[in-house]
Amino acid sequence: MGADDKLSNKAQEAKGKIKEGVGRATGDERLEASGKDDQAGSRFKQAGEKAKDSAKKVKDAFKS
């Protein structure tokens, strides 16, 4: 996973946590749900990047 991807995913996760917290504090269920969605999307992207990294490692191992 590239450093840019990691940073982008962490920023999306942080944004989601903030939105969730603000939504919870203000009673805005839509904002809270949107924050949770942002966090889930970030985790999904991170899992995809990790899978790509693992596949690359396996491919490189067979080249050796």
PDB file of N, CA and C in Angstrom:
ATOM      1  N   MET A   1       0.856  -1.164   0.000  1.00  0.00           N
ATOM      2  CA  MET A   1       0.000   0.000   0.000  1.00  0.00           C
ATOM      3  C   MET A   1       0.900   1.225   0.000  1.00  0.00           C
ATOM      4  N   GLY A   2       0.633   2.150  -0.904  1.00  0.00           N
ATOM      5  CA  GLY A   2       1.433   3.352  -0.987  1.00  0.00           C
ATOM      6  C   GLY A   2       1.159   4.287   0.171  1.00  0.00           C
ATOM      7  N   ALA A   3       2.149   5.114   0.439  1.00  0.00           N
ATOM      8  CA  ALA A   3       2.013   6.064   1.546  1.00  0.00           C
ATOM      9  C   ALA A   3       0.857   7.030   1.303  1.00  0.00           C
ATOM     10  N   ASP A   4       0.677   7.423   0.049  1.00  0.00           N
ATOM     11  CA  ASP A   4      -0.429   8.334  -0.273  1.00  0.00           C
ATOM     12  C   ASP A   4      -1.778   7.686   0.019  1.00  0.00           C
ATOM     13  N   ASP A   5      -1.902   6.398  -0.336  1.00  0.00           N
ATOM     14  CA  ASP A   5      -3.149   5.685  -0.082  1.00  0.00           C
ATOM     15  C   ASP A   5      -3.410   5.565   1.414  1.00  0.00           C
ATOM     16  N   LYS A   6      -2.371   5.242   2.174  1.00  0.00           N
ATOM     17  CA  LYS A   6      -2.524   5.115   3.622  1.00  0.00           C
ATOM     18  C   LYS A   6      -2.985   6.431   4.231  1.00  0.00           C
ATOM     19  N   LEU A   7      -2.345   7.519   3.804  1.00  0.00           N
ATOM     20  CA  LEU A   7      -2.682   8.829   4.345  1.00  0.00           C
ATOM     21  C   LEU A   7      -4.116   9.217   3.981  1.00  0.00           C
ATOM     22  N   SER A   8      -4.484   8.966   2.744  1.00  0.00           N
ATOM     23  CA  SER A   8      -5.835   9.283   2.293  1.00  0.00           C
ATOM     24  C   SER A   8      -6.878   8.479   3.066  1.00  0.00           C
ATOM     25  N   ASN A   9      -6.615   7.201   3.271  1.00  0.00           N
ATOM     26  CA  ASN A   9      -7.554   6.354   4.012  1.00  0.00           C
ATOM     27  C   ASN A   9      -7.667   6.782   5.464  1.00  0.00           C
ATOM     28  N   LYS A  10      -6.543   7.130   6.077  1.00  0.00           N
ATOM     29  CA  LYS A  10      -6.582   7.583   7.472  1.00  0.00           C
ATOM     30  C   LYS A  10      -7.315   8.912   7.592  1.00  0.00           C
ATOM     31  N   ALA A  11      -7.128   9.801   6.603  1.00  0.00           N
ATOM     32  CA  ALA A  11      -7.838  11.084   6.619  1.00  0.00           C
ATOM     33  C   ALA A  11      -9.342  10.861   6.495  1.00  0.00           C
ATOM     34  N   GLN A  12      -9.741   9.938   5.622  1.00  0.00           N
ATOM     35  CA  GLN A  12     -11.165   9.635   5.460  1.00  0.00           C
ATOM     36  C   GLN A  12     -11.730   9.046   6.749  1.00  0.00           C
ATOM     37  N   GLU A  13     -10.948   8.196   7.395  1.00  0.00           N
ATOM     38  CA  GLU A  13     -11.406   7.594   8.649  1.00  0.00           C
ATOM     39  C   GLU A  13     -11.563   8.666   9.732  1.00  0.00           C
ATOM     40  N   ALA A  14     -10.594   9.576   9.822  1.00  0.00           N
ATOM     41  CA  ALA A  14     -10.661  10.647  10.821  1.00  0.00           C
ATOM     42  C   ALA A  14     -11.856  11.559  10.554  1.00  0.00           C
ATOM     43  N   LYS A  15     -12.075  11.889   9.283  1.00  0.00           N
ATOM     44  CA  LYS A  15     -13.220  12.718   8.907  1.00  0.00           C
ATOM     45  C   LYS A  15     -14.519  12.033   9.322  1.00  0.00           C
ATOM     46  N   GLY A  16     -14.582  10.725   9.109  1.00  0.00           N
ATOM     47  CA  GLY A  16     -15.772   9.970   9.488  1.00  0.00           C
ATOM     48  C   GLY A  16     -16.013   9.981  10.986  1.00  0.00           C
ATOM     49  N   LYS A  17     -14.939   9.857  11.750  1.00  0.00           N
ATOM     50  CA  LYS A  17     -15.079   9.880  13.209  1.00  0.00           C
ATOM     51  C   LYS A  17     -15.583  11.236  13.684  1.00  0.00           C
ATOM     52  N   ILE A  18     -15.066  12.295  13.067  1.00  0.00           N
ATOM     53  CA  ILE A  18     -15.507  13.641  13.445  1.00  0.00           C
ATOM     54  C   ILE A  18     -16.984  13.833  13.098  1.00  0.00           C
ATOM     55  N   LYS A  19     -17.366  13.444  11.878  1.00  0.00           N
ATOM     56  CA  LYS A  19     -18.763  13.579  11.466  1.00  0.00           C
ATOM     57  C   LYS A  19     -19.680  12.769  12.366  1.00  0.00           C
ATOM     58  N   GLU A  20     -19.255  11.566  12.714  1.00  0.00           N
ATOM     59  CA  GLU A  20     -20.071  10.731  13.594  1.00  0.00           C
ATOM     60  C   GLU A  20     -20.244  11.398  14.955  1.00  0.00           C
ATOM     61  N   GLY A  21     -19.149  11.913  15.501  1.00  0.00           N
ATOM     62  CA  GLY A  21     -19.207  12.562  16.808  1.00  0.00           C
ATOM     63  C   GLY A  21     -20.069  13.811  16.808  1.00  0.00           C
ATOM     64  N   VAL A  22     -19.924  14.641  15.770  1.00  0.00           N
ATOM     65  CA  VAL A  22     -20.736  15.849  15.672  1.00  0.00           C
ATOM     66  C   VAL A  22     -22.212  15.473  15.499  1.00  0.00           C
ATOM     67  N   GLY A  23     -22.460  14.479  14.664  1.00  0.00           N
ATOM     68  CA  GLY A  23     -23.839  14.031  14.473  1.00  0.00           C
ATOM     69  C   GLY A  23     -24.455  13.518  15.758  1.00  0.00           C
ATOM     70  N   ARG A  24     -23.676  12.770  16.518  1.00  0.00           N
ATOM     71  CA  ARG A  24     -24.179  12.232  17.789  1.00  0.00           C
ATOM     72  C   ARG A  24     -24.441  13.375  18.775  1.00  0.00           C
ATOM     73  N   ALA A  25     -23.498  14.344  18.827  1.00  0.00           N
ATOM     74  CA  ALA A  25     -23.623  15.447  19.780  1.00  0.00           C
ATOM     75  C   ALA A  25     -24.797  16.362  19.459  1.00  0.00           C
ATOM     76  N   THR A  26     -25.090  16.519  18.175  1.00  0.00           N
ATOM     77  CA  THR A  26     -26.170  17.422  17.780  1.00  0.00           C
ATOM     78  C   THR A  26     -27.492  16.710  17.549  1.00  0.00           C
ATOM     79  N   GLY A  27     -27.476  15.398  17.625  1.00  0.00           N
ATOM     80  CA  GLY A  27     -28.698  14.637  17.392  1.00  0.00           C
ATOM     81  C   GLY A  27     -29.033  14.487  15.911  1.00  0.00           C
ATOM     82  N   ASP A  28     -28.059  14.749  15.045  1.00  0.00           N
ATOM     83  CA  ASP A  28     -28.259  14.635  13.594  1.00  0.00           C
ATOM     84  C   ASP A  28     -27.919  13.211  13.159  1.00  0.00           C
ATOM     85  N   GLU A  29     -28.956  12.392  13.018  1.00  0.00           N
ATOM     86  CA  GLU A  29     -28.751  10.980  12.694  1.00  0.00           C
ATOM     87  C   GLU A  29     -28.130  10.787  11.313  1.00  0.00           C
ATOM     88  N   ARG A  30     -28.477  11.646  10.373  1.00  0.00           N
ATOM     89  CA  ARG A  30     -27.904  11.541   9.022  1.00  0.00           C
ATOM     90  C   ARG A  30     -26.406  11.798   9.038  1.00  0.00           C
ATOM     91  N   LEU A  31     -25.981  12.813   9.750  1.00  0.00           N
ATOM     92  CA  LEU A  31     -24.555  13.130   9.837  1.00  0.00           C
ATOM     93  C   LEU A  31     -23.804  12.012  10.542  1.00  0.00           C
ATOM     94  N   GLU A  32     -24.386  11.486  11.589  1.00  0.00           N
ATOM     95  CA  GLU A  32     -23.770  10.370  12.316  1.00  0.00           C
ATOM     96  C   GLU A  32     -23.633   9.150  11.398  1.00  0.00           C
ATOM     97  N   ALA A  33     -24.669   8.844  10.657  1.00  0.00           N
ATOM     98  CA  ALA A  33     -24.635   7.709   9.730  1.00  0.00           C
ATOM     99  C   ALA A  33     -23.625   7.944   8.614  1.00  0.00           C
ATOM    100  N   SER A  34     -23.543   9.170   8.136  1.00  0.00           N
ATOM    101  CA  SER A  34     -22.574   9.507   7.091  1.00  0.00           C
ATOM    102  C   SER A  34     -21.146   9.306   7.600  1.00  0.00           C
ATOM    103  N   GLY A  35     -20.909   9.674   8.842  1.00  0.00           N
ATOM    104  CA  GLY A  35     -19.593   9.470   9.449  1.00  0.00           C
ATOM    105  C   GLY A  35     -19.254   7.993   9.551  1.00  0.00           C
ATOM    106  N   LYS A  36     -20.231   7.200   9.936  1.00  0.00           N
ATOM    107  CA  LYS A  36     -20.003   5.757  10.023  1.00  0.00           C
ATOM    108  C   LYS A  36     -19.725   5.175   8.642  1.00  0.00           C
ATOM    109  N   ASP A  37     -20.425   5.673   7.630  1.00  0.00           N
ATOM    110  CA  ASP A  37     -20.193   5.221   6.251  1.00  0.00           C
ATOM    111  C   ASP A  37     -18.775   5.568   5.790  1.00  0.00           C
ATOM    112  N   ASP A  38     -18.328   6.781   6.119  1.00  0.00           N
ATOM    113  CA  ASP A  38     -16.966   7.186   5.747  1.00  0.00           C
ATOM    114  C   ASP A  38     -15.933   6.255   6.376  1.00  0.00           C
ATOM    115  N   GLN A  39     -16.150   5.912   7.631  1.00  0.00           N
ATOM    116  CA  GLN A  39     -15.214   5.026   8.320  1.00  0.00           C
ATOM    117  C   GLN A  39     -15.219   3.629   7.702  1.00  0.00           C
ATOM    118  N   ALA A  40     -16.391   3.125   7.387  1.00  0.00           N
ATOM    119  CA  ALA A  40     -16.492   1.799   6.776  1.00  0.00           C
ATOM    120  C   ALA A  40     -15.828   1.792   5.403  1.00  0.00           C
ATOM    121  N   GLY A  41     -16.033   2.847   4.635  1.00  0.00           N
ATOM    122  CA  GLY A  41     -15.404   2.951   3.333  1.00  0.00           C
ATOM    123  C   GLY A  41     -13.892   2.969   3.432  1.00  0.00           C
ATOM    124  N   SER A  42     -13.390   3.666   4.418  1.00  0.00           N
ATOM    125  CA  SER A  42     -11.946   3.720   4.638  1.00  0.00           C
ATOM    126  C   SER A  42     -11.395   2.341   4.986  1.00  0.00           C
ATOM    127  N   ARG A  43     -12.078   1.626   5.850  1.00  0.00           N
ATOM    128  CA  ARG A  43     -11.620   0.283   6.232  1.00  0.00           C
ATOM    129  C   ARG A  43     -11.670  -0.671   5.039  1.00  0.00           C
ATOM    130  N   PHE A  44     -12.697  -0.516   4.200  1.00  0.00           N
ATOM    131  CA  PHE A  44     -12.829  -1.345   3.006  1.00  0.00           C
ATOM    132  C   PHE A  44     -11.669  -1.083   2.043  1.00  0.00           C
ATOM    133  N   LYS A  45     -11.329   0.179   1.850  1.00  0.00           N
ATOM    134  CA  LYS A  45     -10.215   0.539   0.980  1.00  0.00           C
ATOM    135  C   LYS A  45      -8.890   0.001   1.529  1.00  0.00           C
ATOM    136  N   GLN A  46      -8.711   0.095   2.842  1.00  0.00           N
ATOM    137  CA  GLN A  46      -7.484  -0.407   3.463  1.00  0.00           C
ATOM    138  C   GLN A  46      -7.362  -1.910   3.267  1.00  0.00           C
ATOM    139  N   ALA A  47      -8.461  -2.626   3.392  1.00  0.00           N
ATOM    140  CA  ALA A  47      -8.440  -4.079   3.202  1.00  0.00           C
ATOM    141  C   ALA A  47      -8.087  -4.421   1.758  1.00  0.00           C
ATOM    142  N   GLY A  48      -8.627  -3.673   0.815  1.00  0.00           N
ATOM    143  CA  GLY A  48      -8.312  -3.896  -0.590  1.00  0.00           C
ATOM    144  C   GLY A  48      -6.845  -3.656  -0.891  1.00  0.00           C
ATOM    145  N   GLU A  49      -6.294  -2.601  -0.323  1.00  0.00           N
ATOM    146  CA  GLU A  49      -4.874  -2.296  -0.529  1.00  0.00           C
ATOM    147  C   GLU A  49      -3.988  -3.386   0.083  1.00  0.00           C
ATOM    148  N   LYS A  50      -4.377  -3.872   1.248  1.00  0.00           N
ATOM    149  CA  LYS A  50      -3.597  -4.946   1.891  1.00  0.00           C
ATOM    150  C   LYS A  50      -3.646  -6.219   1.061  1.00  0.00           C
ATOM    151  N   ALA A  51      -4.803  -6.505   0.467  1.00  0.00           N
ATOM    152  CA  ALA A  51      -4.926  -7.689  -0.388  1.00  0.00           C
ATOM    153  C   ALA A  51      -4.023  -7.555  -1.609  1.00  0.00           C
ATOM    154  N   LYS A  52      -3.976  -6.360  -2.195  1.00  0.00           N
ATOM    155  CA  LYS A  52      -3.099  -6.135  -3.343  1.00  0.00           C
ATOM    156  C   LYS A  52      -1.635  -6.309  -2.944  1.00  0.00           C
ATOM    157  N   ASP A  53      -1.268  -5.796  -1.768  1.00  0.00           N
ATOM    158  CA  ASP A  53       0.110  -5.950  -1.289  1.00  0.00           C
ATOM    159  C   ASP A  53       0.462  -7.421  -1.097  1.00  0.00           C
ATOM    160  N   SER A  54      -0.464  -8.170  -0.526  1.00  0.00           N
ATOM    161  CA  SER A  54      -0.224  -9.599  -0.299  1.00  0.00           C
ATOM    162  C   SER A  54      -0.071 -10.346  -1.619  1.00  0.00           C
ATOM    163  N   ALA A  55      -0.906 -10.023  -2.582  1.00  0.00           N
ATOM    164  CA  ALA A  55      -0.820 -10.670  -3.892  1.00  0.00           C
ATOM    165  C   ALA A  55       0.509 -10.348  -4.567  1.00  0.00           C
ATOM    166  N   LYS A  56       0.966  -9.126  -4.405  1.00  0.00           N
ATOM    167  CA  LYS A  56       2.253  -8.734  -4.996  1.00  0.00           C
ATOM    168  C   LYS A  56       3.389  -9.506  -4.337  1.00  0.00           C
ATOM    169  N   LYS A  57       3.331  -9.687  -3.027  1.00  0.00           N
ATOM    170  CA  LYS A  57       4.370 -10.442  -2.318  1.00  0.00           C
ATOM    171  C   LYS A  57       4.413 -11.891  -2.788  1.00  0.00           C
ATOM    172  N   VAL A  58       3.240 -12.485  -2.984  1.00  0.00           N
ATOM    173  CA  VAL A  58       3.178 -13.872  -3.470  1.00  0.00           C
ATOM    174  C   VAL A  58       3.764 -13.946  -4.873  1.00  0.00           C
ATOM    175  N   LYS A  59       3.387 -13.008  -5.718  1.00  0.00           N
ATOM    176  CA  LYS A  59       3.895 -12.975  -7.091  1.00  0.00           C
ATOM    177  C   LYS A  59       5.410 -12.815  -7.094  1.00  0.00           C
ATOM    178  N   ASP A  60       5.935 -11.928  -6.247  1.00  0.00           N
ATOM    179  CA  ASP A  60       7.379 -11.713  -6.176  1.00  0.00           C
ATOM    180  C   ASP A  60       8.098 -12.946  -5.651  1.00  0.00           C
ATOM    181  N   ALA A  61       7.456 -13.688  -4.745  1.00  0.00           N
ATOM    182  CA  ALA A  61       8.071 -14.899  -4.191  1.00  0.00           C
ATOM    183  C   ALA A  61       8.238 -15.960  -5.269  1.00  0.00           C
ATOM    184  N   PHE A  62       7.301 -16.032  -6.199  1.00  0.00           N
ATOM    185  CA  PHE A  62       7.393 -17.014  -7.275  1.00  0.00           C
ATOM    186  C   PHE A  62       8.426 -16.620  -8.323  1.00  0.00           C
ATOM    187  N   LYS A  63       8.723 -15.330  -8.406  1.00  0.00           N
ATOM    188  CA  LYS A  63       9.737 -14.862  -9.356  1.00  0.00           C
ATOM    189  C   LYS A  63      11.133 -15.264  -8.908  1.00  0.00           C
ATOM    190  N   SER A  64      11.312 -15.368  -7.603  1.00  0.00           N
ATOM    191  CA  SER A  64      12.640 -15.645  -7.047  1.00  0.00           C
ATOM    192  C   SER A  64      13.100 -17.057  -7.298  1.00  0.00           C
TER     193      SER A  64
END
